[in-house]
């Protein structure tokens, strides 16, 4: 059974969790417990790579950081959808350590 497109308007007022993923890293709990001020956690993303825009944990777009006033934002440069879903894979939780403290 499919829902007619005209009936999807009622879903537009549903709140969803939107987040931007800067990168990720895998660490041992002992290393996390040993973190202190000034220490750096290396992430798995290069500085010039687009960031992921997630809605309820699913990647829906990629973008670049912008600053407006004293706030950060995300300029969308690539949308997921249709065949593009293959082009934007979901973040992998199984990535190994990519950097140290």
PDB file of N, CA and C in Angstrom:
ATOM      1  N   UNK A   1       0.840  -1.170   0.000  1.00  0.00           N
ATOM      2  CA  UNK A   1       0.000   0.000   0.000  1.00  0.00           C
ATOM      3  C   UNK A   1       0.890   1.240   0.000  1.00  0.00           C
ATOM      4  N   UNK A   2       0.548   2.225  -0.789  1.00  0.00           N
ATOM      5  CA  UNK A   2       1.320   3.463  -0.824  1.00  0.00           C
ATOM      6  C   UNK A   2       0.440   4.624  -0.389  1.00  0.00           C
ATOM      7  N   UNK A   3       1.082   5.655   0.156  1.00  0.00           N
ATOM      8  CA  UNK A   3       0.362   6.843   0.607  1.00  0.00           C
ATOM      9  C   UNK A   3       0.392   7.863  -0.525  1.00  0.00           C
ATOM     10  N   UNK A   4      -0.772   8.365  -0.942  1.00  0.00           N
ATOM     11  CA  UNK A   4      -0.769   9.378  -2.006  1.00  0.00           C
ATOM     12  C   UNK A   4       0.031  10.605  -1.591  1.00  0.00           C
ATOM     13  N   UNK A   5       0.771  11.193  -2.540  1.00  0.00           N
ATOM     14  CA  UNK A   5       1.633  12.337  -2.263  1.00  0.00           C
ATOM     15  C   UNK A   5       0.849  13.490  -1.645  1.00  0.00           C
ATOM     16  N   UNK A   6      -0.395  13.705  -2.064  1.00  0.00           N
ATOM     17  CA  UNK A   6      -1.205  14.811  -1.553  1.00  0.00           C
ATOM     18  C   UNK A   6      -1.441  14.688  -0.048  1.00  0.00           C
ATOM     19  N   UNK A   7      -1.437  13.477   0.493  1.00  0.00           N
ATOM     20  CA  UNK A   7      -1.684  13.264   1.924  1.00  0.00           C
ATOM     21  C   UNK A   7      -0.446  13.465   2.778  1.00  0.00           C
ATOM     22  N   UNK A   8       0.720  13.672   2.181  1.00  0.00           N
ATOM     23  CA  UNK A   8       1.955  13.829   2.954  1.00  0.00           C
ATOM     24  C   UNK A   8       2.040  15.199   3.618  1.00  0.00           C
ATOM     25  N   UNK A   9       1.195  16.148   3.229  1.00  0.00           N
ATOM     26  CA  UNK A   9       1.209  17.477   3.825  1.00  0.00           C
ATOM     27  C   UNK A   9       1.017  17.441   5.327  1.00  0.00           C
ATOM     28  N   UNK A  10       0.271  16.474   5.816  1.00  0.00           N
ATOM     29  CA  UNK A  10       0.025  16.391   7.257  1.00  0.00           C
ATOM     30  C   UNK A  10       1.296  16.029   8.028  1.00  0.00           C
ATOM     31  N   UNK A  11       2.297  15.513   7.345  1.00  0.00           N
ATOM     32  CA  UNK A  11       3.545  15.127   8.016  1.00  0.00           C
ATOM     33  C   UNK A  11       4.508  16.298   8.183  1.00  0.00           C
ATOM     34  N   UNK A  12       4.258  17.411   7.514  1.00  0.00           N
ATOM     35  CA  UNK A  12       5.198  18.525   7.519  1.00  0.00           C
ATOM     36  C   UNK A  12       5.374  19.179   8.882  1.00  0.00           C
ATOM     37  N   UNK A  13       4.458  19.003   9.798  1.00  0.00           N
ATOM     38  CA  UNK A  13       4.554  19.616  11.123  1.00  0.00           C
ATOM     39  C   UNK A  13       5.174  18.694  12.163  1.00  0.00           C
ATOM     40  N   UNK A  14       5.665  17.536  11.764  1.00  0.00           N
ATOM     41  CA  UNK A  14       6.288  16.594  12.696  1.00  0.00           C
ATOM     42  C   UNK A  14       7.723  17.036  12.964  1.00  0.00           C
ATOM     43  N   UNK A  15       8.091  17.141  14.240  1.00  0.00           N
ATOM     44  CA  UNK A  15       9.457  17.495  14.623  1.00  0.00           C
ATOM     45  C   UNK A  15      10.391  16.311  14.391  1.00  0.00           C
ATOM     46  N   UNK A  16      11.574  16.608  13.855  1.00  0.00           N
ATOM     47  CA  UNK A  16      12.608  15.598  13.662  1.00  0.00           C
ATOM     48  C   UNK A  16      13.919  16.143  14.216  1.00  0.00           C
ATOM     49  N   UNK A  17      14.833  15.259  14.548  1.00  0.00           N
ATOM     50  CA  UNK A  17      16.146  15.668  15.045  1.00  0.00           C
ATOM     51  C   UNK A  17      17.074  15.892  13.859  1.00  0.00           C
ATOM     52  N   UNK A  18      17.589  17.115  13.742  1.00  0.00           N
ATOM     53  CA  UNK A  18      18.505  17.465  12.659  1.00  0.00           C
ATOM     54  C   UNK A  18      19.876  17.727  13.274  1.00  0.00           C
ATOM     55  N   UNK A  19      20.910  17.108  12.705  1.00  0.00           N
ATOM     56  CA  UNK A  19      22.265  17.314  13.211  1.00  0.00           C
ATOM     57  C   UNK A  19      23.243  17.355  12.053  1.00  0.00           C
ATOM     58  N   UNK A  20      24.407  17.927  12.322  1.00  0.00           N
ATOM     59  CA  UNK A  20      25.480  17.999  11.344  1.00  0.00           C
ATOM     60  C   UNK A  20      26.656  17.236  11.931  1.00  0.00           C
ATOM     61  N   UNK A  21      27.194  16.299  11.164  1.00  0.00           N
ATOM     62  CA  UNK A  21      28.316  15.497  11.647  1.00  0.00           C
ATOM     63  C   UNK A  21      29.617  16.027  11.061  1.00  0.00           C
ATOM     64  N   UNK A  22      30.455  16.489  11.959  1.00  0.00           N
ATOM     65  CA  UNK A  22      31.766  17.017  11.591  1.00  0.00           C
ATOM     66  C   UNK A  22      32.738  15.890  11.266  1.00  0.00           C
ATOM     67  N   UNK A  23      32.598  14.779  11.941  1.00  0.00           N
ATOM     68  CA  UNK A  23      33.473  13.628  11.752  1.00  0.00           C
ATOM     69  C   UNK A  23      33.295  12.688  12.920  1.00  0.00           C
ATOM     70  N   UNK A  24      34.035  11.612  12.924  1.00  0.00           N
ATOM     71  CA  UNK A  24      33.931  10.663  14.026  1.00  0.00           C
ATOM     72  C   UNK A  24      35.289  10.020  14.270  1.00  0.00           C
ATOM     73  N   UNK A  25      35.386   9.355  15.391  1.00  0.00           N
ATOM     74  CA  UNK A  25      36.598   8.644  15.764  1.00  0.00           C
ATOM     75  C   UNK A  25      36.214   7.497  16.675  1.00  0.00           C
ATOM     76  N   UNK A  26      36.984   6.460  16.674  1.00  0.00           N
ATOM     77  CA  UNK A  26      36.765   5.323  17.552  1.00  0.00           C
ATOM     78  C   UNK A  26      37.858   5.342  18.619  1.00  0.00           C
ATOM     79  N   UNK A  27      37.435   5.282  19.888  1.00  0.00           N
ATOM     80  CA  UNK A  27      38.403   5.342  20.988  1.00  0.00           C
ATOM     81  C   UNK A  27      38.060   4.307  22.041  1.00  0.00           C
ATOM     82  N   UNK A  28      39.058   3.913  22.788  1.00  0.00           N
ATOM     83  CA  UNK A  28      38.823   3.036  23.938  1.00  0.00           C
ATOM     84  C   UNK A  28      38.283   3.882  25.092  1.00  0.00           C
ATOM     85  N   UNK A  29      37.467   3.283  25.907  1.00  0.00           N
ATOM     86  CA  UNK A  29      36.871   3.984  27.039  1.00  0.00           C
ATOM     87  C   UNK A  29      37.941   4.552  27.962  1.00  0.00           C
ATOM     88  N   UNK A  30      39.050   3.826  28.153  1.00  0.00           N
ATOM     89  CA  UNK A  30      40.114   4.330  29.036  1.00  0.00           C
ATOM     90  C   UNK A  30      40.708   5.629  28.489  1.00  0.00           C
ATOM     91  N   UNK A  31      40.773   5.758  27.141  1.00  0.00           N
ATOM     92  CA  UNK A  31      41.301   6.978  26.535  1.00  0.00           C
ATOM     93  C   UNK A  31      40.320   8.141  26.694  1.00  0.00           C
ATOM     94  N   UNK A  32      39.043   7.844  26.611  1.00  0.00           N
ATOM     95  CA  UNK A  32      38.027   8.878  26.813  1.00  0.00           C
ATOM     96  C   UNK A  32      38.053   9.372  28.254  1.00  0.00           C
ATOM     97  N   UNK A  33      38.194   8.449  29.198  1.00  0.00           N
ATOM     98  CA  UNK A  33      38.243   8.826  30.616  1.00  0.00           C
ATOM     99  C   UNK A  33      39.481   9.655  30.939  1.00  0.00           C
ATOM    100  N   UNK A  34      40.526   9.506  30.141  1.00  0.00           N
ATOM    101  CA  UNK A  34      41.774  10.225  30.390  1.00  0.00           C
ATOM    102  C   UNK A  34      41.814  11.590  29.697  1.00  0.00           C
ATOM    103  N   UNK A  35      40.760  11.958  28.973  1.00  0.00           N
ATOM    104  CA  UNK A  35      40.749  13.247  28.267  1.00  0.00           C
ATOM    105  C   UNK A  35      40.820  14.408  29.244  1.00  0.00           C
ATOM    106  N   UNK A  36      41.508  15.431  28.849  1.00  0.00           N
ATOM    107  CA  UNK A  36      41.614  16.639  29.658  1.00  0.00           C
ATOM    108  C   UNK A  36      41.528  17.866  28.773  1.00  0.00           C
ATOM    109  N   UNK A  37      41.433  19.004  29.393  1.00  0.00           N
ATOM    110  CA  UNK A  37      41.368  20.266  28.647  1.00  0.00           C
ATOM    111  C   UNK A  37      42.578  20.411  27.744  1.00  0.00           C
ATOM    112  N   UNK A  38      42.327  20.890  26.534  1.00  0.00           N
ATOM    113  CA  UNK A  38      43.400  21.147  25.597  1.00  0.00           C
ATOM    114  C   UNK A  38      43.789  19.960  24.729  1.00  0.00           C
ATOM    115  N   UNK A  39      43.308  18.757  25.053  1.00  0.00           N
ATOM    116  CA  UNK A  39      43.645  17.597  24.234  1.00  0.00           C
ATOM    117  C   UNK A  39      42.790  17.601  22.977  1.00  0.00           C
ATOM    118  N   UNK A  40      43.301  16.991  21.932  1.00  0.00           N
ATOM    119  CA  UNK A  40      42.645  16.986  20.628  1.00  0.00           C
ATOM    120  C   UNK A  40      42.283  15.555  20.249  1.00  0.00           C
ATOM    121  N   UNK A  41      41.068  15.370  19.740  1.00  0.00           N
ATOM    122  CA  UNK A  41      40.629  14.080  19.201  1.00  0.00           C
ATOM    123  C   UNK A  41      40.632  14.218  17.686  1.00  0.00           C
ATOM    124  N   UNK A  42      41.426  13.413  17.011  1.00  0.00           N
ATOM    125  CA  UNK A  42      41.491  13.453  15.559  1.00  0.00           C
ATOM    126  C   UNK A  42      40.273  12.746  14.976  1.00  0.00           C
ATOM    127  N   UNK A  43      39.647  13.380  13.979  1.00  0.00           N
ATOM    128  CA  UNK A  43      38.454  12.834  13.347  1.00  0.00           C
ATOM    129  C   UNK A  43      38.804  12.216  12.002  1.00  0.00           C
ATOM    130  N   UNK A  44      37.864  11.457  11.457  1.00  0.00           N
ATOM    131  CA  UNK A  44      38.094  10.711  10.222  1.00  0.00           C
ATOM    132  C   UNK A  44      37.798  11.507   8.954  1.00  0.00           C
ATOM    133  N   UNK A  45      37.640  12.806   9.060  1.00  0.00           N
ATOM    134  CA  UNK A  45      37.270  13.618   7.910  1.00  0.00           C
ATOM    135  C   UNK A  45      38.341  14.667   7.647  1.00  0.00           C
ATOM    136  N   UNK A  46      38.622  14.900   6.371  1.00  0.00           N
ATOM    137  CA  UNK A  46      39.584  15.932   6.001  1.00  0.00           C
ATOM    138  C   UNK A  46      38.941  17.305   6.124  1.00  0.00           C
ATOM    139  N   UNK A  47      39.741  18.328   6.304  1.00  0.00           N
ATOM    140  CA  UNK A  47      39.238  19.668   6.560  1.00  0.00           C
ATOM    141  C   UNK A  47      38.405  20.228   5.406  1.00  0.00           C
ATOM    142  N   UNK A  48      38.681  19.810   4.176  1.00  0.00           N
ATOM    143  CA  UNK A  48      37.943  20.350   3.035  1.00  0.00           C
ATOM    144  C   UNK A  48      36.802  19.442   2.555  1.00  0.00           C
ATOM    145  N   UNK A  49      36.516  18.353   3.273  1.00  0.00           N
ATOM    146  CA  UNK A  49      35.413  17.467   2.908  1.00  0.00           C
ATOM    147  C   UNK A  49      34.086  18.048   3.381  1.00  0.00           C
ATOM    148  N   UNK A  50      33.010  17.811   2.617  1.00  0.00           N
ATOM    149  CA  UNK A  50      31.691  18.276   3.063  1.00  0.00           C
ATOM    150  C   UNK A  50      31.262  17.560   4.343  1.00  0.00           C
ATOM    151  N   UNK A  51      30.436  18.231   5.127  1.00  0.00           N
ATOM    152  CA  UNK A  51      29.883  17.663   6.358  1.00  0.00           C
ATOM    153  C   UNK A  51      28.553  16.996   6.053  1.00  0.00           C
ATOM    154  N   UNK A  52      28.178  16.007   6.857  1.00  0.00           N
ATOM    155  CA  UNK A  52      26.914  15.304   6.672  1.00  0.00           C
ATOM    156  C   UNK A  52      25.797  15.998   7.434  1.00  0.00           C
ATOM    157  N   UNK A  53      24.647  16.168   6.781  1.00  0.00           N
ATOM    158  CA  UNK A  53      23.427  16.640   7.425  1.00  0.00           C
ATOM    159  C   UNK A  53      22.564  15.411   7.653  1.00  0.00           C
ATOM    160  N   UNK A  54      22.249  15.143   8.922  1.00  0.00           N
ATOM    161  CA  UNK A  54      21.460  13.968   9.268  1.00  0.00           C
ATOM    162  C   UNK A  54      20.094  14.380   9.799  1.00  0.00           C
ATOM    163  N   UNK A  55      19.065  13.639   9.407  1.00  0.00           N
ATOM    164  CA  UNK A  55      17.720  13.805   9.955  1.00  0.00           C
ATOM    165  C   UNK A  55      17.361  12.479  10.598  1.00  0.00           C
ATOM    166  N   UNK A  56      17.157  12.516  11.907  1.00  0.00           N
ATOM    167  CA  UNK A  56      16.902  11.300  12.687  1.00  0.00           C
ATOM    168  C   UNK A  56      17.951  10.223  12.401  1.00  0.00           C
ATOM    169  N   UNK A  57      19.209  10.640  12.292  1.00  0.00           N
ATOM    170  CA  UNK A  57      20.312   9.707  12.132  1.00  0.00           C
ATOM    171  C   UNK A  57      20.589   9.258  10.711  1.00  0.00           C
ATOM    172  N   UNK A  58      19.805   9.695   9.742  1.00  0.00           N
ATOM    173  CA  UNK A  58      20.012   9.296   8.340  1.00  0.00           C
ATOM    174  C   UNK A  58      20.559  10.473   7.548  1.00  0.00           C
ATOM    175  N   UNK A  59      21.620  10.214   6.774  1.00  0.00           N
ATOM    176  CA  UNK A  59      22.225  11.264   5.959  1.00  0.00           C
ATOM    177  C   UNK A  59      21.246  11.661   4.858  1.00  0.00           C
ATOM    178  N   UNK A  60      20.914  12.952   4.806  1.00  0.00           N
ATOM    179  CA  UNK A  60      19.997  13.450   3.778  1.00  0.00           C
ATOM    180  C   UNK A  60      20.673  14.449   2.848  1.00  0.00           C
ATOM    181  N   UNK A  61      21.821  14.985   3.258  1.00  0.00           N
ATOM    182  CA  UNK A  61      22.529  15.966   2.429  1.00  0.00           C
ATOM    183  C   UNK A  61      23.944  16.123   2.946  1.00  0.00           C
ATOM    184  N   UNK A  62      24.737  16.837   2.159  1.00  0.00           N
ATOM    185  CA  UNK A  62      26.083  17.236   2.572  1.00  0.00           C
ATOM    186  C   UNK A  62      26.225  18.719   2.324  1.00  0.00           C
ATOM    187  N   UNK A  63      27.094  19.354   3.112  1.00  0.00           N
ATOM    188  CA  UNK A  63      27.253  20.784   2.954  1.00  0.00           C
ATOM    189  C   UNK A  63      28.565  21.274   3.508  1.00  0.00           C
ATOM    190  N   UNK A  64      28.709  22.599   3.446  1.00  0.00           N
ATOM    191  CA  UNK A  64      29.920  23.246   3.941  1.00  0.00           C
ATOM    192  C   UNK A  64      29.555  24.249   5.022  1.00  0.00           C
ATOM    193  N   UNK A  65      30.475  24.440   5.950  1.00  0.00           N
ATOM    194  CA  UNK A  65      30.249  25.350   7.073  1.00  0.00           C
ATOM    195  C   UNK A  65      30.267  26.790   6.571  1.00  0.00           C
ATOM    196  N   UNK A  66      29.308  27.571   7.061  1.00  0.00           N
ATOM    197  CA  UNK A  66      29.284  29.009   6.802  1.00  0.00           C
ATOM    198  C   UNK A  66      29.093  29.711   8.142  1.00  0.00           C
ATOM    199  N   UNK A  67      29.504  30.963   8.197  1.00  0.00           N
ATOM    200  CA  UNK A  67      29.307  31.763   9.408  1.00  0.00           C
ATOM    201  C   UNK A  67      28.399  32.926   9.048  1.00  0.00           C
ATOM    202  N   UNK A  68      27.414  33.153   9.894  1.00  0.00           N
ATOM    203  CA  UNK A  68      26.518  34.288   9.719  1.00  0.00           C
ATOM    204  C   UNK A  68      26.403  34.964  11.075  1.00  0.00           C
ATOM    205  N   UNK A  69      26.910  36.182  11.153  1.00  0.00           N
ATOM    206  CA  UNK A  69      26.968  36.842  12.451  1.00  0.00           C
ATOM    207  C   UNK A  69      27.912  36.073  13.341  1.00  0.00           C
ATOM    208  N   UNK A  70      27.440  35.702  14.524  1.00  0.00           N
ATOM    209  CA  UNK A  70      28.279  34.935  15.447  1.00  0.00           C
ATOM    210  C   UNK A  70      27.811  33.481  15.542  1.00  0.00           C
ATOM    211  N   UNK A  71      27.151  32.984  14.502  1.00  0.00           N
ATOM    212  CA  UNK A  71      26.652  31.602  14.485  1.00  0.00           C
ATOM    213  C   UNK A  71      27.190  30.844  13.281  1.00  0.00           C
ATOM    214  N   UNK A  72      27.266  29.528  13.432  1.00  0.00           N
ATOM    215  CA  UNK A  72      27.631  28.647  12.328  1.00  0.00           C
ATOM    216  C   UNK A  72      26.372  28.185  11.622  1.00  0.00           C
ATOM    217  N   UNK A  73      26.515  27.842  10.357  1.00  0.00           N
ATOM    218  CA  UNK A  73      25.429  27.263   9.582  1.00  0.00           C
ATOM    219  C   UNK A  73      25.999  26.256   8.610  1.00  0.00           C
ATOM    220  N   UNK A  74      25.117  25.647   7.835  1.00  0.00           N
ATOM    221  CA  UNK A  74      25.531  24.664   6.844  1.00  0.00           C
ATOM    222  C   UNK A  74      24.902  25.030   5.507  1.00  0.00           C
ATOM    223  N   UNK A  75      25.735  25.270   4.496  1.00  0.00           N
ATOM    224  CA  UNK A  75      25.241  25.521   3.141  1.00  0.00           C
ATOM    225  C   UNK A  75      25.163  24.167   2.444  1.00  0.00           C
ATOM    226  N   UNK A  76      23.961  23.793   2.009  1.00  0.00           N
ATOM    227  CA  UNK A  76      23.752  22.508   1.353  1.00  0.00           C
ATOM    228  C   UNK A  76      24.385  22.551  -0.033  1.00  0.00           C
ATOM    229  N   UNK A  77      25.227  21.558  -0.317  1.00  0.00           N
ATOM    230  CA  UNK A  77      25.853  21.479  -1.635  1.00  0.00           C
ATOM    231  C   UNK A  77      25.478  20.203  -2.383  1.00  0.00           C
ATOM    232  N   UNK A  78      24.889  19.228  -1.665  1.00  0.00           N
ATOM    233  CA  UNK A  78      24.531  17.955  -2.291  1.00  0.00           C
ATOM    234  C   UNK A  78      23.378  17.334  -1.507  1.00  0.00           C
ATOM    235  N   UNK A  79      22.300  16.970  -2.207  1.00  0.00           N
ATOM    236  CA  UNK A  79      21.152  16.322  -1.568  1.00  0.00           C
ATOM    237  C   UNK A  79      21.170  14.833  -1.849  1.00  0.00           C
ATOM    238  N   UNK A  80      20.719  14.057  -0.895  1.00  0.00           N
ATOM    239  CA  UNK A  80      20.527  12.626  -1.109  1.00  0.00           C
ATOM    240  C   UNK A  80      19.126  12.442  -1.661  1.00  0.00           C
ATOM    241  N   UNK A  81      18.939  11.439  -2.456  1.00  0.00           N
ATOM    242  CA  UNK A  81      17.617  11.161  -3.001  1.00  0.00           C
ATOM    243  C   UNK A  81      17.737  10.395  -4.288  1.00  0.00           C
ATOM    244  N   UNK A  82      16.842   9.439  -4.476  1.00  0.00           N
ATOM    245  CA  UNK A  82      16.886   8.633  -5.693  1.00  0.00           C
ATOM    246  C   UNK A  82      18.189   7.884  -5.777  1.00  0.00           C
ATOM    247  N   UNK A  83      18.882   8.037  -6.895  1.00  0.00           N
ATOM    248  CA  UNK A  83      20.153   7.345  -7.096  1.00  0.00           C
ATOM    249  C   UNK A  83      21.272   7.949  -6.262  1.00  0.00           C
ATOM    250  N   UNK A  84      21.105   9.204  -5.808  1.00  0.00           N
ATOM    251  CA  UNK A  84      22.140   9.854  -4.998  1.00  0.00           C
ATOM    252  C   UNK A  84      22.291   9.194  -3.638  1.00  0.00           C
ATOM    253  N   UNK A  85      21.291   8.383  -3.224  1.00  0.00           N
ATOM    254  CA  UNK A  85      21.418   7.671  -1.945  1.00  0.00           C
ATOM    255  C   UNK A  85      22.661   6.798  -1.942  1.00  0.00           C
ATOM    256  N   UNK A  86      23.008   6.271  -3.125  1.00  0.00           N
ATOM    257  CA  UNK A  86      24.212   5.447  -3.210  1.00  0.00           C
ATOM    258  C   UNK A  86      25.468   6.300  -3.101  1.00  0.00           C
ATOM    259  N   UNK A  87      25.359   7.582  -3.483  1.00  0.00           N
ATOM    260  CA  UNK A  87      26.529   8.460  -3.478  1.00  0.00           C
ATOM    261  C   UNK A  87      26.850   8.971  -2.080  1.00  0.00           C
ATOM    262  N   UNK A  88      25.868   8.972  -1.179  1.00  0.00           N
ATOM    263  CA  UNK A  88      26.091   9.463   0.179  1.00  0.00           C
ATOM    264  C   UNK A  88      25.821   8.317   1.150  1.00  0.00           C
ATOM    265  N   UNK A  89      26.829   7.520   1.461  1.00  0.00           N
ATOM    266  CA  UNK A  89      26.630   6.417   2.399  1.00  0.00           C
ATOM    267  C   UNK A  89      26.466   6.931   3.817  1.00  0.00           C
ATOM    268  N   UNK A  90      25.718   6.189   4.616  1.00  0.00           N
ATOM    269  CA  UNK A  90      25.556   6.539   6.025  1.00  0.00           C
ATOM    270  C   UNK A  90      26.892   6.410   6.726  1.00  0.00           C
ATOM    271  N   UNK A  91      27.113   7.213   7.789  1.00  0.00           N
ATOM    272  CA  UNK A  91      28.378   7.117   8.531  1.00  0.00           C
ATOM    273  C   UNK A  91      28.570   5.717   9.081  1.00  0.00           C
ATOM    274  N   UNK A  92      29.792   5.235   9.043  1.00  0.00           N
ATOM    275  CA  UNK A  92      30.101   3.895   9.509  1.00  0.00           C
ATOM    276  C   UNK A  92      30.524   3.925  10.964  1.00  0.00           C
ATOM    277  N   UNK A  93      29.865   3.116  11.784  1.00  0.00           N
ATOM    278  CA  UNK A  93      30.220   3.031  13.204  1.00  0.00           C
ATOM    279  C   UNK A  93      31.375   2.067  13.408  1.00  0.00           C
ATOM    280  N   UNK A  94      31.743   1.333  12.359  1.00  0.00           N
ATOM    281  CA  UNK A  94      32.770   0.308  12.523  1.00  0.00           C
ATOM    282  C   UNK A  94      34.162   0.793  12.143  1.00  0.00           C
ATOM    283  N   UNK A  95      34.286   2.084  11.864  1.00  0.00           N
ATOM    284  CA  UNK A  95      35.610   2.602  11.494  1.00  0.00           C
ATOM    285  C   UNK A  95      36.581   2.441  12.652  1.00  0.00           C
ATOM    286  N   UNK A  96      37.770   2.075  12.348  1.00  0.00           N
ATOM    287  CA  UNK A  96      38.791   1.890  13.377  1.00  0.00           C
ATOM    288  C   UNK A  96      39.362   3.212  13.822  1.00  0.00           C
ATOM    289  N   UNK A  97      40.273   3.186  14.766  1.00  0.00           N
ATOM    290  CA  UNK A  97      40.889   4.420  15.241  1.00  0.00           C
ATOM    291  C   UNK A  97      41.626   5.121  14.103  1.00  0.00           C
ATOM    292  N   UNK A  98      41.472   6.432  14.052  1.00  0.00           N
ATOM    293  CA  UNK A  98      42.132   7.187  13.003  1.00  0.00           C
ATOM    294  C   UNK A  98      43.093   8.210  13.546  1.00  0.00           C
ATOM    295  N   UNK A  99      43.164   8.323  14.806  1.00  0.00           N
ATOM    296  CA  UNK A  99      44.090   9.296  15.375  1.00  0.00           C
ATOM    297  C   UNK A  99      44.202   9.097  16.872  1.00  0.00           C
ATOM    298  N   UNK A 100      45.181   9.667  17.427  1.00  0.00           N
ATOM    299  CA  UNK A 100      45.369   9.531  18.863  1.00  0.00           C
ATOM    300  C   UNK A 100      45.205  10.841  19.583  1.00  0.00           C
ATOM    301  N   UNK A 101      45.477  10.820  20.840  1.00  0.00           N
ATOM    302  CA  UNK A 101      45.352  12.037  21.644  1.00  0.00           C
ATOM    303  C   UNK A 101      46.620  12.814  21.612  1.00  0.00           C
TER     304      UNK A 101
END
